[in-house]
Amino acid sequence: MKMRSSFAAAAAVVALAAAGVSHAGATAGSLWINDPTSTDASIVPAGPADATFNPGVINYDSNVGGYTVGGFLNNPTFSNESAAFVLAGAGAAPLNNTFVQITGTLGLNSGNNSFVVGHDDGVVLTVAGFGTVVNQAGPTAFTNTPFNVFNPGAPGNFAFTLNYTECCGPPAELLFTVNNVSPGVPEPATWSLMLLGVGGIGGLMRRQTRRTATA
C-alpha cells in the first residue's frame, strides 16, 4: 500500500509538470474611472488604478450587461478598490470616461498569426517582442480591427497588454479571443519536475524488485 501511495505521488508530479507547460489567457485587469484622457487609449492614466479584477473571457457588451463598470465587464469581483470607486458605486459606477487595461499571454504559432479585436471605443494592443499590433486609440463606433503578428521563432505564449477606453456614451463593446499555443519543448524547470517524478518511480520499482527477490 505504501508503494502504491508513493507511486501515485510521483505520477502526480509528472502530471503536474506536464500540465504546467503552457497556460494562456487574460490574467489581470485594472480600471480607472472619471479618466480625463479617456479619448486616447494610448495614454495610461496617472496614479494607481481605482480597482482590479479578473478579466475572464473578453466578451464585453454594455448592450447586454448595462452601461455600468460591472455590467460591462460581466460583473467580476473587484479588488483594491479606491475610495472614489466605492463612492461612485463600485460595480454600479457609470461606465463613461473609464480606462480599462488587461494583461495576459497570447499564443503565437510560427509564421503568420491572424486575429481580430472588436471595439467601441478606442483600443491599443501590444505584444511583448512585437510592439504595438493594434493602434486604434481614438473614439469609434463599433468596428472589427483585424491584425497580423509574424512570429519568426518557435511557437509560444507572449505577454500582451490591451488598453481600452470608453468615453462618449453607450454602447461600449470589447471582444477579443485570446489564443493558446502549447510549445513543443517544455521549459527547463518543467523537465526537472518530470525527471524527478520519473526517477522517483524508478527507485520505487527497484526497491520493490529487491524485496520480492529476498522474499
N, C-alpha and C. Protein backbone atom coordinates (compact mmCIF):
# COMPACT_ATOMS: atom_id res chain seq x y z
N MET A 1 0.84 -1.20 0.00
CA MET A 1 0.00 0.00 0.00
C MET A 1 0.87 1.25 0.00
N LYS A 2 1.96 1.24 0.78
CA LYS A 2 2.85 2.38 0.83
C LYS A 2 3.45 2.64 -0.53
N MET A 3 3.84 1.54 -1.23
CA MET A 3 4.43 1.72 -2.55
C MET A 3 3.43 2.35 -3.50
N ARG A 4 2.18 1.92 -3.43
CA ARG A 4 1.16 2.47 -4.32
C ARG A 4 0.98 3.96 -4.09
N SER A 5 1.01 4.36 -2.80
CA SER A 5 0.85 5.77 -2.48
C SER A 5 2.02 6.57 -3.01
N SER A 6 3.25 6.04 -2.84
CA SER A 6 4.43 6.73 -3.33
C SER A 6 4.42 6.81 -4.85
N PHE A 7 4.00 5.70 -5.48
CA PHE A 7 3.92 5.67 -6.94
C PHE A 7 2.93 6.73 -7.43
N ALA A 8 1.79 6.83 -6.75
CA ALA A 8 0.78 7.81 -7.14
C ALA A 8 1.30 9.22 -6.98
N ALA A 9 2.06 9.47 -5.89
CA ALA A 9 2.59 10.80 -5.65
C ALA A 9 3.58 11.19 -6.74
N ALA A 10 4.47 10.23 -7.10
CA ALA A 10 5.45 10.51 -8.15
C ALA A 10 4.76 10.74 -9.49
N ALA A 11 3.74 9.94 -9.78
CA ALA A 11 3.00 10.12 -11.02
C ALA A 11 2.31 11.48 -11.04
N ALA A 12 1.85 11.93 -9.88
CA ALA A 12 1.20 13.24 -9.80
C ALA A 12 2.17 14.36 -10.12
N VAL A 13 3.43 14.19 -9.69
CA VAL A 13 4.45 15.19 -10.01
C VAL A 13 4.62 15.31 -11.52
N VAL A 14 4.68 14.14 -12.21
CA VAL A 14 4.83 14.14 -13.66
C VAL A 14 3.63 14.80 -14.32
N ALA A 15 2.44 14.46 -13.85
CA ALA A 15 1.23 15.04 -14.43
C ALA A 15 1.18 16.53 -14.21
N LEU A 16 1.58 16.99 -13.01
CA LEU A 16 1.58 18.41 -12.71
C LEU A 16 2.57 19.13 -13.60
N ALA A 17 3.74 18.53 -13.81
CA ALA A 17 4.74 19.16 -14.67
C ALA A 17 4.23 19.29 -16.09
N ALA A 18 3.61 18.24 -16.58
CA ALA A 18 3.09 18.27 -17.95
C ALA A 18 1.99 19.31 -18.08
N ALA A 19 1.14 19.41 -17.05
CA ALA A 19 0.04 20.37 -17.11
C ALA A 19 0.54 21.79 -17.06
N GLY A 20 1.75 22.01 -16.49
CA GLY A 20 2.26 23.36 -16.34
C GLY A 20 3.03 23.87 -17.53
N VAL A 21 3.05 23.11 -18.61
CA VAL A 21 3.83 23.52 -19.78
C VAL A 21 3.34 24.84 -20.34
N SER A 22 2.03 25.04 -20.46
CA SER A 22 1.54 26.23 -21.13
C SER A 22 0.15 26.62 -20.65
N HIS A 23 0.02 27.86 -20.26
CA HIS A 23 -1.29 28.41 -19.91
C HIS A 23 -1.37 29.81 -20.52
N ALA A 24 -2.36 30.05 -21.35
CA ALA A 24 -2.51 31.36 -21.97
C ALA A 24 -3.89 31.91 -21.68
N GLY A 25 -3.98 33.21 -21.65
CA GLY A 25 -5.27 33.84 -21.45
C GLY A 25 -5.11 35.21 -20.80
N ALA A 26 -6.23 35.86 -20.56
CA ALA A 26 -6.23 37.14 -19.86
C ALA A 26 -6.13 36.86 -18.37
N THR A 27 -5.14 37.45 -17.70
CA THR A 27 -4.87 37.08 -16.31
C THR A 27 -5.12 38.19 -15.31
N ALA A 28 -5.11 39.46 -15.73
CA ALA A 28 -5.29 40.55 -14.77
C ALA A 28 -5.92 41.75 -15.46
N GLY A 29 -6.75 42.45 -14.71
CA GLY A 29 -7.38 43.66 -15.24
C GLY A 29 -7.33 44.79 -14.24
N SER A 30 -7.19 46.01 -14.74
CA SER A 30 -7.20 47.21 -13.91
C SER A 30 -8.09 48.24 -14.59
N LEU A 31 -8.68 49.14 -13.80
CA LEU A 31 -9.53 50.17 -14.40
C LEU A 31 -9.42 51.48 -13.63
N TRP A 32 -9.60 52.55 -14.38
CA TRP A 32 -9.61 53.90 -13.83
C TRP A 32 -10.93 54.56 -14.24
N ILE A 33 -11.65 55.14 -13.30
CA ILE A 33 -12.90 55.82 -13.62
C ILE A 33 -12.66 57.33 -13.70
N ASN A 34 -13.60 58.04 -14.30
CA ASN A 34 -13.50 59.50 -14.43
C ASN A 34 -12.16 59.93 -15.00
N ASP A 35 -11.74 59.25 -16.06
CA ASP A 35 -10.43 59.49 -16.67
C ASP A 35 -10.52 60.65 -17.66
N PRO A 36 -9.79 61.74 -17.43
CA PRO A 36 -9.86 62.89 -18.34
C PRO A 36 -9.22 62.65 -19.71
N THR A 37 -8.41 61.59 -19.83
CA THR A 37 -7.76 61.28 -21.12
C THR A 37 -8.40 60.07 -21.78
N SER A 38 -9.65 59.77 -21.45
CA SER A 38 -10.28 58.54 -21.93
C SER A 38 -10.61 58.56 -23.42
N THR A 39 -10.29 59.63 -24.11
CA THR A 39 -10.45 59.64 -25.57
C THR A 39 -9.21 59.10 -26.27
N ASP A 40 -8.20 58.68 -25.52
CA ASP A 40 -6.95 58.21 -26.11
C ASP A 40 -6.47 56.97 -25.35
N ALA A 41 -6.62 55.80 -25.97
CA ALA A 41 -6.25 54.54 -25.31
C ALA A 41 -4.74 54.35 -25.20
N SER A 42 -3.97 55.22 -25.82
CA SER A 42 -2.51 55.09 -25.72
C SER A 42 -1.95 55.76 -24.48
N ILE A 43 -2.80 56.51 -23.75
CA ILE A 43 -2.36 57.22 -22.55
C ILE A 43 -2.89 56.51 -21.31
N VAL A 44 -2.01 55.85 -20.59
CA VAL A 44 -2.42 55.18 -19.35
C VAL A 44 -2.58 56.24 -18.27
N PRO A 45 -3.71 56.26 -17.56
CA PRO A 45 -3.93 57.29 -16.53
C PRO A 45 -2.83 57.29 -15.47
N ALA A 46 -2.56 58.47 -14.95
CA ALA A 46 -1.57 58.59 -13.88
C ALA A 46 -2.16 58.07 -12.58
N GLY A 47 -1.28 57.61 -11.70
CA GLY A 47 -1.72 57.15 -10.39
C GLY A 47 -2.21 55.72 -10.42
N PRO A 48 -2.47 55.18 -9.23
CA PRO A 48 -2.91 53.78 -9.14
C PRO A 48 -4.31 53.60 -9.70
N ALA A 49 -4.62 52.38 -10.10
CA ALA A 49 -5.94 52.06 -10.64
C ALA A 49 -6.99 52.19 -9.54
N ASP A 50 -8.23 52.45 -9.95
CA ASP A 50 -9.33 52.55 -9.00
C ASP A 50 -9.84 51.18 -8.56
N ALA A 51 -9.52 50.14 -9.34
CA ALA A 51 -9.90 48.77 -8.95
C ALA A 51 -9.19 47.79 -9.85
N THR A 52 -9.04 46.56 -9.37
CA THR A 52 -8.51 45.46 -10.17
C THR A 52 -9.58 44.37 -10.23
N PHE A 53 -9.45 43.48 -11.25
CA PHE A 53 -10.46 42.44 -11.43
C PHE A 53 -9.87 41.31 -12.26
N ASN A 54 -10.54 40.16 -12.23
CA ASN A 54 -10.19 39.03 -13.10
C ASN A 54 -10.96 39.19 -14.40
N PRO A 55 -10.27 39.35 -15.54
CA PRO A 55 -10.97 39.67 -16.79
C PRO A 55 -11.91 38.59 -17.29
N GLY A 56 -11.60 37.31 -17.03
CA GLY A 56 -12.41 36.24 -17.61
C GLY A 56 -12.32 36.28 -19.12
N VAL A 57 -13.39 35.88 -19.79
CA VAL A 57 -13.43 35.93 -21.25
C VAL A 57 -13.68 37.37 -21.68
N ILE A 58 -12.87 37.86 -22.62
CA ILE A 58 -13.02 39.25 -23.07
C ILE A 58 -14.14 39.31 -24.10
N ASN A 59 -15.35 39.34 -23.60
CA ASN A 59 -16.55 39.43 -24.42
C ASN A 59 -17.50 40.38 -23.70
N TYR A 60 -17.20 41.68 -23.80
CA TYR A 60 -17.88 42.70 -23.02
C TYR A 60 -18.82 43.50 -23.92
N ASP A 61 -20.05 43.68 -23.48
CA ASP A 61 -21.04 44.39 -24.29
C ASP A 61 -22.04 45.07 -23.34
N SER A 62 -22.01 46.40 -23.34
CA SER A 62 -22.92 47.13 -22.45
C SER A 62 -24.37 46.98 -22.88
N ASN A 63 -24.60 46.58 -24.13
CA ASN A 63 -25.98 46.32 -24.56
C ASN A 63 -26.58 45.13 -23.82
N VAL A 64 -25.70 44.26 -23.34
CA VAL A 64 -26.14 43.05 -22.63
C VAL A 64 -26.13 43.28 -21.12
N GLY A 65 -24.99 43.75 -20.59
CA GLY A 65 -24.84 43.86 -19.14
C GLY A 65 -25.26 45.19 -18.55
N GLY A 66 -25.39 46.21 -19.40
CA GLY A 66 -25.73 47.54 -18.90
C GLY A 66 -24.54 48.47 -18.93
N TYR A 67 -24.83 49.78 -18.94
CA TYR A 67 -23.77 50.78 -19.08
C TYR A 67 -23.22 51.19 -17.71
N THR A 68 -22.74 50.18 -16.97
CA THR A 68 -22.01 50.40 -15.73
C THR A 68 -20.70 49.64 -15.82
N VAL A 69 -19.78 49.97 -14.94
CA VAL A 69 -18.48 49.28 -14.96
C VAL A 69 -18.67 47.78 -14.77
N GLY A 70 -19.44 47.38 -13.78
CA GLY A 70 -19.66 45.96 -13.51
C GLY A 70 -20.45 45.28 -14.61
N GLY A 71 -21.51 45.93 -15.09
CA GLY A 71 -22.32 45.34 -16.15
C GLY A 71 -21.53 45.11 -17.41
N PHE A 72 -20.68 46.05 -17.76
CA PHE A 72 -19.86 45.93 -18.97
C PHE A 72 -18.86 44.80 -18.86
N LEU A 73 -18.24 44.64 -17.70
CA LEU A 73 -17.17 43.65 -17.50
C LEU A 73 -17.70 42.30 -17.03
N ASN A 74 -18.98 42.05 -17.22
CA ASN A 74 -19.61 40.78 -16.85
C ASN A 74 -19.58 40.53 -15.35
N ASN A 75 -19.70 41.62 -14.59
CA ASN A 75 -19.84 41.55 -13.13
C ASN A 75 -18.75 40.73 -12.43
N PRO A 76 -17.49 41.13 -12.58
CA PRO A 76 -16.41 40.41 -11.87
C PRO A 76 -16.38 40.83 -10.41
N THR A 77 -15.54 40.16 -9.62
CA THR A 77 -15.28 40.59 -8.25
C THR A 77 -14.15 41.62 -8.29
N PHE A 78 -14.40 42.80 -7.75
CA PHE A 78 -13.40 43.86 -7.77
C PHE A 78 -12.55 43.81 -6.50
N SER A 79 -11.27 44.15 -6.67
CA SER A 79 -10.34 44.20 -5.55
C SER A 79 -9.59 45.53 -5.58
N ASN A 80 -8.91 45.84 -4.47
CA ASN A 80 -8.09 47.05 -4.38
C ASN A 80 -8.87 48.29 -4.80
N GLU A 81 -10.09 48.39 -4.30
CA GLU A 81 -10.98 49.49 -4.70
C GLU A 81 -10.57 50.81 -4.03
N SER A 82 -10.50 51.87 -4.83
CA SER A 82 -10.20 53.19 -4.28
C SER A 82 -11.45 53.78 -3.64
N ALA A 83 -11.25 54.82 -2.82
CA ALA A 83 -12.38 55.49 -2.18
C ALA A 83 -13.30 56.10 -3.23
N ALA A 84 -12.71 56.63 -4.31
CA ALA A 84 -13.53 57.23 -5.37
C ALA A 84 -14.38 56.18 -6.07
N PHE A 85 -13.82 54.98 -6.25
CA PHE A 85 -14.57 53.91 -6.90
C PHE A 85 -15.74 53.46 -6.02
N VAL A 86 -15.50 53.32 -4.73
CA VAL A 86 -16.56 52.93 -3.80
C VAL A 86 -17.63 54.00 -3.75
N LEU A 87 -17.21 55.28 -3.69
CA LEU A 87 -18.16 56.39 -3.62
C LEU A 87 -19.03 56.46 -4.87
N ALA A 88 -18.44 56.09 -6.03
CA ALA A 88 -19.18 56.13 -7.29
C ALA A 88 -20.14 54.96 -7.44
N GLY A 89 -20.07 54.00 -6.50
CA GLY A 89 -20.98 52.86 -6.56
C GLY A 89 -20.30 51.56 -6.89
N ALA A 90 -18.94 51.54 -6.95
CA ALA A 90 -18.18 50.32 -7.28
C ALA A 90 -18.66 49.75 -8.61
N GLY A 91 -19.13 48.51 -8.62
CA GLY A 91 -19.56 47.91 -9.89
C GLY A 91 -20.70 48.64 -10.56
N ALA A 92 -21.45 49.42 -9.78
CA ALA A 92 -22.57 50.17 -10.33
C ALA A 92 -22.15 51.55 -10.84
N ALA A 93 -20.84 51.86 -10.79
CA ALA A 93 -20.35 53.16 -11.24
C ALA A 93 -20.62 53.33 -12.73
N PRO A 94 -20.94 54.55 -13.16
CA PRO A 94 -21.15 54.79 -14.60
C PRO A 94 -19.91 54.43 -15.40
N LEU A 95 -20.11 53.89 -16.59
CA LEU A 95 -19.00 53.42 -17.41
C LEU A 95 -18.31 54.54 -18.18
N ASN A 96 -19.01 55.61 -18.48
CA ASN A 96 -18.45 56.67 -19.31
C ASN A 96 -17.15 57.21 -18.70
N ASN A 97 -16.18 57.49 -19.57
CA ASN A 97 -14.86 58.00 -19.17
C ASN A 97 -14.10 57.01 -18.29
N THR A 98 -14.13 55.74 -18.67
CA THR A 98 -13.41 54.69 -17.96
C THR A 98 -12.30 54.14 -18.85
N PHE A 99 -11.14 53.93 -18.24
CA PHE A 99 -9.98 53.33 -18.92
C PHE A 99 -9.77 51.93 -18.34
N VAL A 100 -9.69 50.93 -19.21
CA VAL A 100 -9.51 49.54 -18.78
C VAL A 100 -8.21 49.00 -19.37
N GLN A 101 -7.41 48.35 -18.53
CA GLN A 101 -6.18 47.71 -19.01
C GLN A 101 -6.21 46.23 -18.61
N ILE A 102 -5.98 45.36 -19.61
CA ILE A 102 -5.99 43.92 -19.39
C ILE A 102 -4.65 43.35 -19.84
N THR A 103 -4.06 42.51 -19.00
CA THR A 103 -2.81 41.85 -19.36
C THR A 103 -3.00 40.34 -19.33
N GLY A 104 -2.12 39.65 -20.05
CA GLY A 104 -2.18 38.19 -20.11
C GLY A 104 -1.15 37.67 -21.08
N THR A 105 -1.39 36.48 -21.62
CA THR A 105 -0.48 35.90 -22.60
C THR A 105 -1.25 35.50 -23.84
N LEU A 106 -0.63 35.74 -24.98
CA LEU A 106 -1.21 35.47 -26.28
C LEU A 106 -0.40 34.39 -26.97
N GLY A 107 -1.05 33.33 -27.42
CA GLY A 107 -0.35 32.23 -28.09
C GLY A 107 -0.08 32.55 -29.55
N LEU A 108 1.15 32.33 -29.97
CA LEU A 108 1.55 32.56 -31.36
C LEU A 108 2.19 31.31 -31.93
N ASN A 109 1.73 30.88 -33.09
CA ASN A 109 2.41 29.83 -33.83
C ASN A 109 3.57 30.43 -34.62
N SER A 110 4.42 29.61 -35.16
CA SER A 110 5.47 30.10 -36.05
C SER A 110 4.83 30.66 -37.31
N GLY A 111 5.38 31.78 -37.80
CA GLY A 111 4.86 32.38 -39.02
C GLY A 111 3.76 33.37 -38.72
N ASN A 112 2.82 33.51 -39.64
CA ASN A 112 1.74 34.49 -39.52
C ASN A 112 0.65 34.03 -38.55
N ASN A 113 0.18 34.96 -37.75
CA ASN A 113 -0.92 34.72 -36.82
C ASN A 113 -1.94 35.84 -37.00
N SER A 114 -3.15 35.50 -37.37
CA SER A 114 -4.18 36.50 -37.65
C SER A 114 -5.22 36.53 -36.54
N PHE A 115 -5.59 37.72 -36.11
CA PHE A 115 -6.58 37.92 -35.06
C PHE A 115 -7.51 39.06 -35.44
N VAL A 116 -8.57 39.22 -34.66
CA VAL A 116 -9.48 40.34 -34.81
C VAL A 116 -9.88 40.81 -33.41
N VAL A 117 -9.86 42.12 -33.20
CA VAL A 117 -10.38 42.68 -31.95
C VAL A 117 -11.51 43.62 -32.31
N GLY A 118 -12.66 43.41 -31.67
CA GLY A 118 -13.82 44.27 -31.89
C GLY A 118 -13.92 45.28 -30.76
N HIS A 119 -14.21 46.55 -31.09
CA HIS A 119 -14.19 47.57 -30.03
C HIS A 119 -15.04 48.78 -30.36
N ASP A 120 -15.50 49.39 -29.29
CA ASP A 120 -16.21 50.67 -29.29
C ASP A 120 -16.08 51.20 -27.86
N ASP A 121 -15.05 52.01 -27.53
CA ASP A 121 -14.35 52.95 -28.38
C ASP A 121 -12.90 52.50 -28.69
N GLY A 122 -11.91 53.27 -28.17
CA GLY A 122 -10.53 53.08 -28.57
C GLY A 122 -9.86 51.88 -27.96
N VAL A 123 -8.88 51.31 -28.70
CA VAL A 123 -8.14 50.17 -28.20
C VAL A 123 -6.70 50.21 -28.73
N VAL A 124 -5.75 49.86 -27.85
CA VAL A 124 -4.34 49.73 -28.21
C VAL A 124 -3.87 48.40 -27.64
N LEU A 125 -3.26 47.57 -28.50
CA LEU A 125 -2.80 46.24 -28.09
C LEU A 125 -1.32 46.09 -28.40
N THR A 126 -0.53 45.73 -27.39
CA THR A 126 0.89 45.47 -27.58
C THR A 126 1.20 44.04 -27.17
N VAL A 127 2.16 43.44 -27.87
CA VAL A 127 2.60 42.07 -27.59
C VAL A 127 4.10 42.10 -27.37
N ALA A 128 4.57 41.50 -26.29
CA ALA A 128 6.00 41.52 -25.95
C ALA A 128 6.83 40.95 -27.10
N GLY A 129 7.83 41.70 -27.52
CA GLY A 129 8.71 41.27 -28.60
C GLY A 129 8.22 41.69 -29.97
N PHE A 130 6.96 42.16 -30.06
CA PHE A 130 6.39 42.53 -31.35
C PHE A 130 5.85 43.95 -31.37
N GLY A 131 5.86 44.63 -30.23
CA GLY A 131 5.43 46.01 -30.16
C GLY A 131 3.92 46.17 -30.26
N THR A 132 3.50 47.34 -30.73
CA THR A 132 2.08 47.65 -30.86
C THR A 132 1.52 47.00 -32.12
N VAL A 133 0.54 46.14 -31.96
CA VAL A 133 -0.04 45.42 -33.11
C VAL A 133 -1.41 45.97 -33.49
N VAL A 134 -2.06 46.69 -32.56
CA VAL A 134 -3.32 47.40 -32.86
C VAL A 134 -3.20 48.79 -32.24
N ASN A 135 -3.45 49.82 -33.05
CA ASN A 135 -3.37 51.18 -32.55
C ASN A 135 -4.57 51.98 -33.07
N GLN A 136 -5.72 51.73 -32.47
CA GLN A 136 -6.95 52.46 -32.77
C GLN A 136 -7.35 53.21 -31.50
N ALA A 137 -6.56 54.22 -31.15
CA ALA A 137 -6.63 54.81 -29.82
C ALA A 137 -7.84 55.71 -29.60
N GLY A 138 -8.42 56.26 -30.68
CA GLY A 138 -9.48 57.23 -30.52
C GLY A 138 -10.87 56.64 -30.51
N PRO A 139 -11.88 57.47 -30.19
CA PRO A 139 -13.27 57.01 -30.17
C PRO A 139 -13.72 56.52 -31.54
N THR A 140 -14.58 55.53 -31.53
CA THR A 140 -15.10 55.00 -32.79
C THR A 140 -16.42 54.29 -32.53
N ALA A 141 -17.24 54.19 -33.56
CA ALA A 141 -18.37 53.28 -33.48
C ALA A 141 -17.82 51.86 -33.50
N PHE A 142 -18.66 50.87 -33.19
CA PHE A 142 -18.13 49.51 -33.13
C PHE A 142 -17.49 49.13 -34.47
N THR A 143 -16.28 48.60 -34.35
CA THR A 143 -15.57 48.16 -35.55
C THR A 143 -14.75 46.93 -35.22
N ASN A 144 -14.58 46.04 -36.20
CA ASN A 144 -13.68 44.90 -36.08
C ASN A 144 -12.34 45.27 -36.70
N THR A 145 -11.29 45.24 -35.91
CA THR A 145 -9.96 45.58 -36.39
C THR A 145 -9.12 44.31 -36.52
N PRO A 146 -8.86 43.86 -37.76
CA PRO A 146 -8.01 42.69 -37.93
C PRO A 146 -6.54 43.07 -37.77
N PHE A 147 -5.73 42.13 -37.30
CA PHE A 147 -4.29 42.39 -37.23
C PHE A 147 -3.54 41.07 -37.38
N ASN A 148 -2.28 41.19 -37.77
CA ASN A 148 -1.44 40.02 -38.00
C ASN A 148 -0.14 40.17 -37.22
N VAL A 149 0.30 39.07 -36.62
CA VAL A 149 1.59 39.05 -35.93
C VAL A 149 2.44 37.97 -36.57
N PHE A 150 3.60 38.36 -37.10
CA PHE A 150 4.51 37.38 -37.70
C PHE A 150 5.54 36.97 -36.66
N ASN A 151 5.53 35.69 -36.33
CA ASN A 151 6.45 35.14 -35.33
C ASN A 151 7.53 34.33 -36.05
N PRO A 152 8.77 34.85 -36.12
CA PRO A 152 9.83 34.13 -36.83
C PRO A 152 10.42 32.96 -36.05
N GLY A 153 10.06 32.85 -34.79
CA GLY A 153 10.63 31.81 -33.94
C GLY A 153 9.68 30.66 -33.69
N ALA A 154 9.94 29.95 -32.61
CA ALA A 154 9.15 28.77 -32.24
C ALA A 154 7.80 29.20 -31.67
N PRO A 155 6.81 28.32 -31.73
CA PRO A 155 5.51 28.63 -31.10
C PRO A 155 5.68 28.90 -29.61
N GLY A 156 4.85 29.76 -29.07
CA GLY A 156 4.94 30.07 -27.65
C GLY A 156 3.88 31.05 -27.23
N ASN A 157 3.86 31.38 -25.96
CA ASN A 157 2.91 32.32 -25.40
C ASN A 157 3.63 33.59 -25.00
N PHE A 158 3.13 34.72 -25.47
CA PHE A 158 3.80 36.00 -25.31
C PHE A 158 2.89 36.97 -24.53
N ALA A 159 3.50 37.73 -23.64
CA ALA A 159 2.75 38.67 -22.81
C ALA A 159 2.10 39.75 -23.69
N PHE A 160 0.85 40.08 -23.37
CA PHE A 160 0.19 41.18 -24.08
C PHE A 160 -0.41 42.16 -23.07
N THR A 161 -0.60 43.40 -23.54
CA THR A 161 -1.30 44.43 -22.79
C THR A 161 -2.35 45.04 -23.69
N LEU A 162 -3.59 45.04 -23.24
CA LEU A 162 -4.70 45.58 -24.01
C LEU A 162 -5.28 46.77 -23.25
N ASN A 163 -5.21 47.96 -23.86
CA ASN A 163 -5.79 49.17 -23.29
C ASN A 163 -7.09 49.49 -24.02
N TYR A 164 -8.13 49.77 -23.25
CA TYR A 164 -9.44 50.10 -23.84
C TYR A 164 -10.00 51.33 -23.14
N THR A 165 -10.58 52.25 -23.92
CA THR A 165 -11.20 53.43 -23.33
C THR A 165 -12.66 53.53 -23.77
N GLU A 166 -13.49 53.95 -22.83
CA GLU A 166 -14.90 54.24 -23.12
C GLU A 166 -15.15 55.69 -22.74
N CYS A 167 -15.50 56.49 -23.72
CA CYS A 167 -15.51 57.94 -23.47
C CYS A 167 -16.79 58.67 -23.82
N CYS A 168 -17.57 58.13 -24.71
CA CYS A 168 -18.52 59.02 -25.38
C CYS A 168 -19.96 58.54 -25.33
N GLY A 169 -20.31 57.83 -24.28
CA GLY A 169 -21.68 57.36 -24.14
C GLY A 169 -21.90 55.99 -24.74
N PRO A 170 -23.00 55.36 -24.37
CA PRO A 170 -23.26 53.98 -24.81
C PRO A 170 -23.49 53.91 -26.31
N PRO A 171 -23.26 52.69 -26.88
CA PRO A 171 -22.85 51.47 -26.17
C PRO A 171 -21.34 51.38 -26.02
N ALA A 172 -20.89 50.37 -25.29
CA ALA A 172 -19.48 50.05 -25.16
C ALA A 172 -19.32 48.56 -25.45
N GLU A 173 -18.31 48.22 -26.27
CA GLU A 173 -18.10 46.82 -26.64
C GLU A 173 -16.61 46.53 -26.77
N LEU A 174 -16.20 45.36 -26.31
CA LEU A 174 -14.82 44.90 -26.46
C LEU A 174 -14.84 43.39 -26.58
N LEU A 175 -14.37 42.88 -27.72
CA LEU A 175 -14.38 41.45 -28.00
C LEU A 175 -13.00 41.03 -28.48
N PHE A 176 -12.40 40.06 -27.79
CA PHE A 176 -11.07 39.59 -28.20
C PHE A 176 -10.88 38.16 -27.73
N THR A 177 -10.63 37.25 -28.66
CA THR A 177 -10.36 35.86 -28.33
C THR A 177 -8.86 35.67 -28.18
N VAL A 178 -8.43 35.24 -27.00
CA VAL A 178 -7.02 35.02 -26.72
C VAL A 178 -6.65 33.61 -27.12
N ASN A 179 -5.63 33.47 -27.96
CA ASN A 179 -5.20 32.17 -28.45
C ASN A 179 -4.27 31.49 -27.44
N ASN A 180 -4.22 30.16 -27.48
CA ASN A 180 -3.38 29.39 -26.57
C ASN A 180 -2.54 28.41 -27.38
N VAL A 181 -1.22 28.52 -27.26
CA VAL A 181 -0.31 27.64 -28.01
C VAL A 181 0.50 26.82 -27.02
N SER A 182 0.61 25.52 -27.29
CA SER A 182 1.44 24.64 -26.45
C SER A 182 2.81 24.49 -27.09
N PRO A 183 3.86 25.04 -26.49
CA PRO A 183 5.20 24.89 -27.05
C PRO A 183 5.59 23.43 -27.17
N GLY A 184 6.41 23.10 -28.16
CA GLY A 184 6.79 21.71 -28.39
C GLY A 184 7.76 21.17 -27.37
N VAL A 185 8.58 22.04 -26.76
CA VAL A 185 9.60 21.60 -25.81
C VAL A 185 9.34 22.24 -24.47
N PRO A 186 9.14 21.47 -23.39
CA PRO A 186 8.93 22.06 -22.06
C PRO A 186 10.12 22.89 -21.62
N GLU A 187 9.87 23.84 -20.73
CA GLU A 187 10.94 24.66 -20.19
C GLU A 187 11.80 23.83 -19.24
N PRO A 188 13.06 24.29 -18.95
CA PRO A 188 13.97 23.53 -18.08
C PRO A 188 13.36 23.17 -16.74
N ALA A 189 12.62 24.09 -16.13
CA ALA A 189 12.01 23.80 -14.83
C ALA A 189 11.01 22.66 -14.93
N THR A 190 10.29 22.63 -16.05
CA THR A 190 9.32 21.56 -16.25
C THR A 190 10.02 20.23 -16.42
N TRP A 191 11.11 20.23 -17.20
CA TRP A 191 11.89 18.99 -17.37
C TRP A 191 12.39 18.48 -16.01
N SER A 192 12.84 19.39 -15.14
CA SER A 192 13.36 18.98 -13.84
C SER A 192 12.29 18.27 -13.03
N LEU A 193 11.08 18.81 -13.02
CA LEU A 193 9.98 18.18 -12.28
C LEU A 193 9.65 16.82 -12.85
N MET A 194 9.63 16.73 -14.18
CA MET A 194 9.29 15.46 -14.82
C MET A 194 10.35 14.40 -14.52
N LEU A 195 11.64 14.78 -14.59
CA LEU A 195 12.73 13.83 -14.32
C LEU A 195 12.71 13.39 -12.86
N LEU A 196 12.37 14.33 -11.96
CA LEU A 196 12.27 13.99 -10.55
C LEU A 196 11.19 12.95 -10.33
N GLY A 197 10.05 13.12 -10.98
CA GLY A 197 8.95 12.17 -10.84
C GLY A 197 9.31 10.81 -11.40
N VAL A 198 9.90 10.80 -12.60
CA VAL A 198 10.28 9.54 -13.23
C VAL A 198 11.34 8.82 -12.41
N GLY A 199 12.31 9.60 -11.89
CA GLY A 199 13.36 8.99 -11.07
C GLY A 199 12.79 8.37 -9.82
N GLY A 200 11.80 9.06 -9.20
CA GLY A 200 11.17 8.51 -8.01
C GLY A 200 10.45 7.22 -8.29
N ILE A 201 9.76 7.16 -9.43
CA ILE A 201 9.05 5.93 -9.80
C ILE A 201 10.05 4.79 -10.03
N GLY A 202 11.16 5.09 -10.71
CA GLY A 202 12.17 4.04 -10.97
C GLY A 202 12.77 3.50 -9.70
N GLY A 203 13.06 4.41 -8.73
CA GLY A 203 13.63 3.97 -7.47
C GLY A 203 12.68 3.08 -6.71
N LEU A 204 11.42 3.40 -6.70
CA LEU A 204 10.42 2.58 -6.01
C LEU A 204 10.32 1.20 -6.64
N MET A 205 10.37 1.16 -7.97
CA MET A 205 10.27 -0.13 -8.65
C MET A 205 11.48 -1.01 -8.33
N ARG A 206 12.69 -0.39 -8.28
CA ARG A 206 13.89 -1.18 -7.97
C ARG A 206 13.82 -1.74 -6.55
N ARG A 207 13.38 -0.94 -5.58
CA ARG A 207 13.27 -1.41 -4.20
C ARG A 207 12.26 -2.55 -4.09
N GLN A 208 11.15 -2.44 -4.80
CA GLN A 208 10.15 -3.49 -4.75
C GLN A 208 10.69 -4.78 -5.35
N THR A 209 11.51 -4.66 -6.41
CA THR A 209 12.10 -5.85 -7.05
C THR A 209 13.04 -6.56 -6.07
N ARG A 210 13.87 -5.78 -5.33
CA ARG A 210 14.80 -6.38 -4.38
C ARG A 210 14.04 -7.06 -3.24
N ARG A 211 12.97 -6.45 -2.77
CA ARG A 211 12.18 -7.07 -1.70
C ARG A 211 11.59 -8.38 -2.16
N THR A 212 11.10 -8.45 -3.38
CA THR A 212 10.49 -9.66 -3.91
C THR A 212 11.53 -10.77 -4.03
N ALA A 213 12.74 -10.41 -4.51
CA ALA A 213 13.80 -11.41 -4.68
C ALA A 213 14.22 -11.96 -3.32
N THR A 214 14.33 -11.06 -2.30
CA THR A 214 14.73 -11.51 -0.97
C THR A 214 13.69 -12.47 -0.38
N ALA A 215 12.43 -12.12 -0.59
CA ALA A 215 11.38 -13.00 -0.08
C ALA A 215 11.45 -14.36 -0.75
